[in-house]
Amino acid sequence: MTLTHACPICAAPAEPMMLPVSVRRAGRTVFRLEVPAWHCSECGYVDVEDATRESVIATLEEHTRPGDDIVFALEEA
């Protein structure tokens, strides 16, 4: 992650955060990770850098089955 980041939507400064991501199966959390991201306090947009996004997708592909729910829980952050 870079040290500074401008929101790609409104160009306001964005703050670093850890975004919780959960895999839920039949109503139970079976896998959870924390993803580094940027949160714009002006418009609320959450941005994940490309390399991080690719890594998260690969990890989720390893830990999910058809029918699982993937939850990006900004409200938990």
N, C-alpha and C. Protein backbone atom coordinates (compact mmCIF):
# COMPACT_ATOMS: atom_id res chain seq x y z
N MET A 1 0.83 -1.18 0.00
CA MET A 1 0.00 0.00 0.00
C MET A 1 0.88 1.24 0.00
N THR A 2 0.45 2.23 -0.77
CA THR A 2 1.18 3.49 -0.77
C THR A 2 0.89 4.24 0.52
N LEU A 3 1.62 5.32 0.78
CA LEU A 3 1.43 6.08 2.01
C LEU A 3 0.27 7.06 1.94
N THR A 4 -0.03 7.55 0.73
CA THR A 4 -1.14 8.47 0.56
C THR A 4 -2.00 7.97 -0.60
N HIS A 5 -3.26 8.36 -0.57
CA HIS A 5 -4.17 7.89 -1.62
C HIS A 5 -5.30 8.90 -1.76
N ALA A 6 -5.61 9.24 -2.99
CA ALA A 6 -6.76 10.10 -3.27
C ALA A 6 -7.92 9.23 -3.72
N CYS A 7 -9.09 9.55 -3.29
CA CYS A 7 -10.30 8.82 -3.68
C CYS A 7 -10.47 8.92 -5.19
N PRO A 8 -10.68 7.79 -5.89
CA PRO A 8 -10.86 7.85 -7.34
C PRO A 8 -12.23 8.41 -7.75
N ILE A 9 -13.14 8.56 -6.79
CA ILE A 9 -14.48 9.09 -7.09
C ILE A 9 -14.52 10.61 -6.92
N CYS A 10 -14.07 11.10 -5.74
CA CYS A 10 -14.22 12.54 -5.46
C CYS A 10 -12.87 13.25 -5.26
N ALA A 11 -11.76 12.53 -5.30
CA ALA A 11 -10.40 13.07 -5.18
C ALA A 11 -10.05 13.55 -3.78
N ALA A 12 -10.91 13.34 -2.80
CA ALA A 12 -10.58 13.69 -1.41
C ALA A 12 -9.55 12.70 -0.88
N PRO A 13 -8.80 13.08 0.16
CA PRO A 13 -7.85 12.13 0.74
C PRO A 13 -8.58 10.92 1.34
N ALA A 14 -7.99 9.75 1.14
CA ALA A 14 -8.56 8.52 1.69
C ALA A 14 -7.65 8.01 2.80
N GLU A 15 -8.24 7.40 3.80
CA GLU A 15 -7.51 6.88 4.95
C GLU A 15 -7.33 5.37 4.83
N PRO A 16 -6.17 4.84 5.25
CA PRO A 16 -6.00 3.38 5.21
C PRO A 16 -6.91 2.71 6.24
N MET A 17 -7.35 1.51 5.91
CA MET A 17 -8.20 0.73 6.81
C MET A 17 -7.99 -0.75 6.52
N MET A 18 -8.49 -1.59 7.40
CA MET A 18 -8.52 -3.03 7.15
C MET A 18 -9.99 -3.40 6.95
N LEU A 19 -10.31 -3.95 5.79
CA LEU A 19 -11.68 -4.31 5.43
C LEU A 19 -11.91 -5.78 5.74
N PRO A 20 -12.82 -6.10 6.65
CA PRO A 20 -13.12 -7.50 6.95
C PRO A 20 -13.88 -8.15 5.79
N VAL A 21 -13.44 -9.34 5.41
CA VAL A 21 -14.11 -10.12 4.38
C VAL A 21 -14.38 -11.50 4.97
N SER A 22 -15.62 -11.95 4.89
CA SER A 22 -16.00 -13.24 5.46
C SER A 22 -16.63 -14.12 4.39
N VAL A 23 -16.43 -15.42 4.53
CA VAL A 23 -17.14 -16.40 3.72
C VAL A 23 -18.12 -17.08 4.67
N ARG A 24 -19.38 -17.04 4.30
CA ARG A 24 -20.42 -17.65 5.13
C ARG A 24 -21.05 -18.80 4.37
N ARG A 25 -21.16 -19.91 5.08
CA ARG A 25 -21.75 -21.12 4.52
C ARG A 25 -22.87 -21.57 5.44
N ALA A 26 -24.08 -21.67 4.91
CA ALA A 26 -25.24 -22.08 5.70
C ALA A 26 -25.38 -21.22 6.96
N GLY A 27 -25.14 -19.91 6.82
CA GLY A 27 -25.31 -18.98 7.93
C GLY A 27 -24.15 -18.91 8.91
N ARG A 28 -23.11 -19.71 8.70
CA ARG A 28 -21.96 -19.70 9.61
C ARG A 28 -20.72 -19.17 8.90
N THR A 29 -19.93 -18.38 9.60
CA THR A 29 -18.67 -17.90 9.03
C THR A 29 -17.67 -19.04 9.04
N VAL A 30 -17.14 -19.37 7.86
CA VAL A 30 -16.19 -20.47 7.74
C VAL A 30 -14.78 -19.99 7.41
N PHE A 31 -14.66 -18.72 7.01
CA PHE A 31 -13.36 -18.16 6.67
C PHE A 31 -13.45 -16.65 6.79
N ARG A 32 -12.39 -16.04 7.30
CA ARG A 32 -12.38 -14.59 7.47
C ARG A 32 -10.97 -14.08 7.21
N LEU A 33 -10.87 -12.94 6.56
CA LEU A 33 -9.59 -12.29 6.38
C LEU A 33 -9.77 -10.79 6.46
N GLU A 34 -8.68 -10.09 6.65
CA GLU A 34 -8.65 -8.63 6.71
C GLU A 34 -7.88 -8.14 5.48
N VAL A 35 -8.50 -7.26 4.72
CA VAL A 35 -7.93 -6.78 3.47
C VAL A 35 -7.53 -5.31 3.62
N PRO A 36 -6.27 -4.96 3.32
CA PRO A 36 -5.90 -3.55 3.36
C PRO A 36 -6.64 -2.78 2.26
N ALA A 37 -7.20 -1.65 2.64
CA ALA A 37 -8.00 -0.85 1.70
C ALA A 37 -7.89 0.62 2.07
N TRP A 38 -8.51 1.46 1.25
CA TRP A 38 -8.57 2.90 1.48
C TRP A 38 -10.03 3.28 1.61
N HIS A 39 -10.35 4.12 2.59
CA HIS A 39 -11.72 4.56 2.81
C HIS A 39 -11.78 6.08 2.73
N CYS A 40 -12.64 6.58 1.85
CA CYS A 40 -12.81 8.02 1.70
C CYS A 40 -13.81 8.51 2.73
N SER A 41 -13.38 9.40 3.60
CA SER A 41 -14.29 9.93 4.62
C SER A 41 -15.26 10.95 4.02
N GLU A 42 -14.97 11.43 2.82
CA GLU A 42 -15.84 12.42 2.16
C GLU A 42 -17.06 11.74 1.50
N CYS A 43 -16.82 10.74 0.65
CA CYS A 43 -17.92 10.11 -0.08
C CYS A 43 -18.20 8.68 0.36
N GLY A 44 -17.30 8.09 1.18
CA GLY A 44 -17.51 6.75 1.70
C GLY A 44 -17.01 5.61 0.82
N TYR A 45 -16.45 5.94 -0.34
CA TYR A 45 -15.96 4.90 -1.26
C TYR A 45 -14.82 4.12 -0.62
N VAL A 46 -14.80 2.81 -0.84
CA VAL A 46 -13.72 1.95 -0.38
C VAL A 46 -12.97 1.45 -1.60
N ASP A 47 -11.66 1.66 -1.62
CA ASP A 47 -10.82 1.29 -2.76
C ASP A 47 -9.80 0.26 -2.32
N VAL A 48 -9.66 -0.80 -3.10
CA VAL A 48 -8.66 -1.84 -2.86
C VAL A 48 -7.70 -1.82 -4.03
N GLU A 49 -6.41 -1.78 -3.76
CA GLU A 49 -5.42 -1.72 -4.82
C GLU A 49 -5.45 -3.00 -5.66
N ASP A 50 -5.08 -2.88 -6.93
CA ASP A 50 -5.20 -3.99 -7.89
C ASP A 50 -4.49 -5.26 -7.43
N ALA A 51 -3.25 -5.15 -6.99
CA ALA A 51 -2.50 -6.34 -6.57
C ALA A 51 -3.17 -7.02 -5.37
N THR A 52 -3.70 -6.22 -4.45
CA THR A 52 -4.40 -6.76 -3.29
C THR A 52 -5.67 -7.45 -3.73
N ARG A 53 -6.41 -6.83 -4.63
CA ARG A 53 -7.66 -7.40 -5.13
C ARG A 53 -7.41 -8.77 -5.77
N GLU A 54 -6.36 -8.88 -6.59
CA GLU A 54 -6.04 -10.15 -7.24
C GLU A 54 -5.70 -11.23 -6.21
N SER A 55 -4.97 -10.86 -5.19
CA SER A 55 -4.62 -11.81 -4.13
C SER A 55 -5.85 -12.26 -3.35
N VAL A 56 -6.75 -11.33 -3.06
CA VAL A 56 -7.97 -11.66 -2.32
C VAL A 56 -8.85 -12.60 -3.16
N ILE A 57 -8.99 -12.32 -4.45
CA ILE A 57 -9.79 -13.19 -5.31
C ILE A 57 -9.22 -14.60 -5.32
N ALA A 58 -7.90 -14.74 -5.44
CA ALA A 58 -7.28 -16.07 -5.44
C ALA A 58 -7.52 -16.79 -4.11
N THR A 59 -7.40 -16.07 -3.00
CA THR A 59 -7.64 -16.67 -1.69
C THR A 59 -9.08 -17.10 -1.54
N LEU A 60 -10.01 -16.25 -1.97
CA LEU A 60 -11.42 -16.60 -1.86
C LEU A 60 -11.77 -17.81 -2.74
N GLU A 61 -11.15 -17.91 -3.91
CA GLU A 61 -11.40 -19.06 -4.78
C GLU A 61 -10.98 -20.37 -4.09
N GLU A 62 -9.94 -20.32 -3.28
CA GLU A 62 -9.47 -21.51 -2.57
C GLU A 62 -10.39 -21.91 -1.42
N HIS A 63 -11.11 -20.95 -0.83
CA HIS A 63 -11.85 -21.19 0.40
C HIS A 63 -13.37 -21.14 0.25
N THR A 64 -13.86 -21.09 -0.98
CA THR A 64 -15.31 -21.03 -1.15
C THR A 64 -15.82 -22.22 -1.95
N ARG A 65 -17.11 -22.46 -1.77
CA ARG A 65 -17.84 -23.49 -2.53
C ARG A 65 -19.06 -22.82 -3.16
N PRO A 66 -19.64 -23.47 -4.17
CA PRO A 66 -20.89 -22.90 -4.73
C PRO A 66 -21.93 -22.73 -3.62
N GLY A 67 -22.59 -21.59 -3.63
CA GLY A 67 -23.61 -21.31 -2.64
C GLY A 67 -23.13 -20.54 -1.44
N ASP A 68 -21.82 -20.38 -1.28
CA ASP A 68 -21.29 -19.58 -0.17
C ASP A 68 -21.58 -18.10 -0.40
N ASP A 69 -21.71 -17.37 0.69
CA ASP A 69 -21.86 -15.92 0.63
C ASP A 69 -20.53 -15.28 0.97
N ILE A 70 -20.11 -14.31 0.18
CA ILE A 70 -18.90 -13.54 0.46
C ILE A 70 -19.37 -12.17 0.94
N VAL A 71 -18.96 -11.79 2.15
CA VAL A 71 -19.44 -10.57 2.77
C VAL A 71 -18.28 -9.61 3.00
N PHE A 72 -18.35 -8.44 2.39
CA PHE A 72 -17.40 -7.36 2.63
C PHE A 72 -18.06 -6.45 3.65
N ALA A 73 -17.59 -6.49 4.88
CA ALA A 73 -18.30 -5.86 5.98
C ALA A 73 -17.72 -4.52 6.36
N LEU A 74 -18.00 -3.50 5.56
CA LEU A 74 -17.51 -2.16 5.86
C LEU A 74 -18.04 -1.68 7.21
N GLU A 75 -19.27 -2.04 7.54
CA GLU A 75 -19.83 -1.58 8.80
C GLU A 75 -19.12 -2.18 10.01
N GLU A 76 -18.38 -3.27 9.84
CA GLU A 76 -17.63 -3.88 10.92
C GLU A 76 -16.26 -3.26 11.08
N ALA A 77 -15.81 -2.51 10.07
CA ALA A 77 -14.45 -1.96 10.08
C ALA A 77 -14.32 -0.81 11.05
